[in-house]
Protein backbone atom coordinates (compact mmCIF):
# COMPACT_ATOMS: atom_id res chain seq x y z
CA MET A 1 114.26 79.72 95.76
CA ALA A 2 111.52 78.93 93.24
CA ASN A 3 108.55 76.92 94.44
CA SER A 4 107.70 74.42 91.71
CA LYS A 5 104.36 73.70 93.43
CA PHE A 6 103.03 77.04 92.18
CA TRP A 7 102.44 75.64 88.70
CA THR A 8 101.02 72.29 89.81
CA GLU A 9 98.73 73.15 92.76
CA ALA A 10 95.58 75.26 92.57
CA VAL A 11 95.96 76.46 96.17
CA THR A 12 98.81 78.83 95.37
CA GLU A 13 98.01 82.11 93.73
CA PRO A 14 99.99 85.20 92.75
CA LYS A 15 99.26 88.60 94.27
CA ARG A 16 96.87 90.65 92.16
CA ASN A 17 97.16 94.33 91.22
CA TYR A 18 93.50 95.05 91.95
CA ARG A 19 93.34 93.75 95.53
CA TRP A 20 94.47 96.65 97.69
CA LEU A 21 93.36 99.43 99.98
CA LEU A 22 94.97 102.85 100.32
CA ARG A 23 94.79 104.72 103.61
CA PHE A 24 95.85 108.24 104.49
CA LYS A 25 94.64 110.74 107.03
CA ASP A 26 93.59 107.62 109.01
CA ASP A 27 90.84 106.75 106.49
CA ILE A 28 90.40 104.26 103.66
CA VAL A 29 90.57 106.21 100.40
CA TRP A 30 87.86 104.33 98.53
CA TRP A 31 88.06 106.76 95.60
CA ALA A 32 91.70 105.85 94.88
CA LYS A 33 92.12 104.57 91.34
CA THR A 34 95.88 103.84 91.18
CA VAL A 35 98.84 104.13 93.52
CA THR A 36 102.56 103.46 93.09
CA VAL A 37 104.01 100.99 95.59
CA PRO A 38 107.13 102.37 97.34
CA SER A 39 110.38 101.68 95.53
CA TYR A 40 114.01 102.57 96.06
CA GLU A 41 117.27 103.05 94.23
CA VAL A 42 120.79 102.43 95.53
CA SER A 43 123.47 104.82 94.30
CA GLU A 44 126.89 103.52 93.39
CA THR A 45 130.43 104.71 93.73
CA GLU A 46 132.99 103.80 91.10
CA HIS A 47 136.64 103.12 91.87
CA ASP A 48 139.33 102.76 89.21
CA PHE A 49 142.34 100.57 89.86
CA MET A 50 144.75 100.11 86.98
CA ASP A 51 142.61 98.82 84.10
CA ASN A 52 139.73 97.64 86.31
CA LYS A 53 136.58 99.29 87.58
CA PHE A 54 135.04 98.36 90.91
CA TYR A 55 131.61 99.45 92.13
CA TYR A 56 130.43 99.95 95.69
CA PRO A 57 126.87 100.48 96.92
CA GLY A 58 126.07 103.96 98.18
CA ARG A 59 122.94 105.54 99.64
CA VAL A 60 119.36 104.38 99.37
CA THR A 61 116.89 106.88 97.90
CA TRP A 62 113.18 106.18 98.11
CA SER A 63 111.20 107.12 94.98
CA GLU A 64 108.13 109.34 95.04
CA ILE A 65 104.66 107.81 95.13
CA SER A 66 102.05 108.75 92.54
CA MET A 67 98.32 108.43 93.18
CA THR A 68 95.32 108.89 90.96
CA LEU A 69 92.11 109.66 92.82
CA VAL A 70 88.63 109.94 91.40
CA ASP A 71 87.09 113.26 92.52
CA PRO A 72 83.72 112.39 94.11
CA VAL A 73 81.18 115.03 95.11
CA SER A 74 80.98 113.67 98.66
CA PRO A 75 83.51 113.52 100.15
CA ASP A 76 84.97 116.23 97.93
CA ALA A 77 88.53 115.09 97.07
CA THR A 78 89.48 118.54 95.74
CA SER A 79 88.51 120.11 99.04
CA ASP A 80 90.37 117.37 100.95
CA THR A 81 93.61 117.89 99.02
CA LEU A 82 93.42 121.67 99.49
CA GLU A 83 92.84 121.01 103.20
CA ILE A 84 96.06 118.93 103.26
CA LEU A 85 97.89 121.94 101.82
CA THR A 86 96.32 124.25 104.42
CA ASP A 87 97.13 121.80 107.25
CA ALA A 88 100.75 121.79 106.02
CA GLY A 89 100.91 125.52 106.79
CA TYR A 90 100.10 127.20 103.47
CA LEU A 91 97.26 129.70 103.47
CA VAL A 92 95.17 129.17 100.37
CA LYS A 93 94.33 132.60 99.01
CA THR A 94 90.74 133.65 98.50
CA LEU A 95 89.37 136.95 97.23
CA ASP A 96 88.22 137.79 100.75
CA SER A 97 91.62 137.06 102.32
CA VAL A 98 93.39 139.20 99.70
CA LYS A 99 90.97 142.10 100.36
CA LEU A 100 91.59 141.79 104.10
CA GLY A 101 95.35 141.74 103.53
CA ASN A 102 96.04 138.45 105.37
CA ALA A 103 96.74 136.15 102.42
CA GLY A 104 100.03 134.28 102.21
CA VAL A 105 101.12 134.80 105.82
CA GLY A 106 101.51 131.07 106.66
CA THR A 107 104.47 128.93 105.67
CA LEU A 108 105.08 125.24 105.22
CA SER A 109 107.11 123.14 107.64
CA LYS A 110 108.06 119.46 107.58
CA LYS A 111 106.33 118.86 110.90
CA LYS A 112 103.05 120.37 109.67
CA ALA A 113 103.34 118.84 106.17
CA THR A 114 103.93 115.29 107.44
CA GLY A 115 101.21 115.76 110.04
CA ALA A 116 98.69 116.79 107.37
CA LEU A 117 98.78 113.37 105.68
CA LYS A 118 99.46 111.39 108.87
CA THR A 119 100.27 107.81 107.84
CA ILE A 120 100.02 106.52 104.29
CA ARG A 121 99.51 102.77 104.13
CA MET A 122 98.82 100.28 101.34
CA ASP A 123 97.27 96.90 102.23
CA LEU A 124 97.66 94.20 99.57
CA MET A 125 95.10 91.43 100.05
CA ASN A 126 94.16 87.96 98.87
CA ALA A 127 90.78 86.91 97.43
CA ASP A 128 89.30 86.58 100.95
CA GLY A 129 90.24 90.16 101.92
CA LYS A 130 93.06 89.04 104.21
CA VAL A 131 96.14 91.26 104.25
CA LEU A 132 99.20 89.64 102.69
CA GLU A 133 101.53 92.63 102.55
CA GLN A 134 101.35 96.03 104.22
CA TRP A 135 103.43 99.02 103.05
CA THR A 136 103.75 102.10 105.26
CA VAL A 137 105.50 105.29 104.16
CA HIS A 138 107.05 107.44 106.86
CA ASN A 139 107.28 111.25 107.06
CA ALA A 140 105.21 111.67 103.91
CA PHE A 141 104.06 115.01 102.55
CA LEU A 142 102.07 116.07 99.52
CA LYS A 143 104.45 117.33 96.84
CA SER A 144 101.99 118.06 94.05
CA ALA A 145 98.33 117.82 93.10
CA LYS A 146 96.96 118.19 89.57
CA TYR A 147 93.20 118.58 89.24
CA GLY A 148 92.91 117.36 85.66
CA ASP A 149 91.67 118.93 82.47
CA LEU A 150 88.08 119.88 81.71
CA ASP A 151 86.88 118.79 78.29
CA TYR A 152 83.35 118.91 76.79
CA SER A 153 84.12 115.88 74.59
CA ASN A 154 85.23 113.70 77.52
CA ASP A 155 82.69 111.83 79.68
CA GLU A 156 85.21 110.05 81.94
CA LEU A 157 85.34 110.57 85.69
CA ARG A 158 87.32 113.57 86.88
CA THR A 159 90.58 112.59 88.57
CA ILE A 160 93.26 114.16 90.74
CA GLU A 161 96.92 113.23 90.21
CA MET A 162 98.95 113.47 93.43
CA THR A 163 102.67 113.02 94.10
CA VAL A 164 103.90 112.23 97.58
CA ARG A 165 107.48 112.48 98.88
CA TYR A 166 108.56 110.54 101.98
CA ASP A 167 111.75 109.69 103.88
CA TRP A 168 111.50 105.90 103.96
CA ALA A 169 109.08 102.97 103.77
CA SER A 170 108.54 99.73 105.62
CA CYS A 171 106.87 96.55 104.47
CA GLU A 172 105.31 93.96 106.76
CA PHE A 173 104.28 90.46 105.71
CA LYS A 174 101.95 87.92 107.26
CA ASN A 175 103.77 85.56 109.66
CA ASN A 176 103.33 82.36 107.62
CA SER A 177 101.11 80.78 105.00
CA LYS A 178 98.59 79.65 107.65
CA THR A 179 98.23 83.03 109.40
CA GLU A 180 96.50 85.90 107.69
CA GLY A 181 95.05 89.04 109.20
CA ASN A 182 92.29 91.49 108.56
CA ALA A 183 93.32 95.01 107.65
CA GLU A 184 92.19 96.21 111.09
CA ASP A 185 93.92 93.60 113.28
CA PHE A 186 96.99 92.90 111.18
CA GLN A 187 99.86 91.73 113.40
CA PRO A 188 102.60 90.95 110.86
CA LYS A 189 106.25 90.04 111.19
CA PRO A 190 108.00 93.40 110.56
CA THR A 191 110.54 93.74 107.79
CA THR A 192 112.02 97.19 107.36
CA VAL A 193 113.47 97.74 103.94
């Protein structure tokens, strides 16, 4: 299982945490700062027999994804995340809409909520920008967005913390060590987890 050549040859290299692209709404999110890679947990069922305990695997539950986005002026990430909420079916209230009496008439639905984000994909790359691993989350919707805290003593960039819920994820790898693809023309060997 372990490749002993890793420690003796300079041509092998581990994957790096800073070589990745995040895409949602069919665009590269260049203002993404951090993102959680999809993960899962398998439940277990316990069975007692005499003085023994036996365990059996149960259902797979995919964990939520967290993202931290820097809030640029253009494109305005705050506006984009509120647009995701509106596209999901929620009518964001404004003073004008409350005065006109048409605030809060829309409702959320899974179809609209998953359509608002479209596909969320994470491309993990090597030093040459070739995709090594590609994660795609399916039926994703925005669960929460936190627009940070304002603070006169803080000169850091403003960020948005987002949580995304999804039904399942798939991961695709390059075909072999000789074949690598660009993010645009990636034709990997599919592996559904």
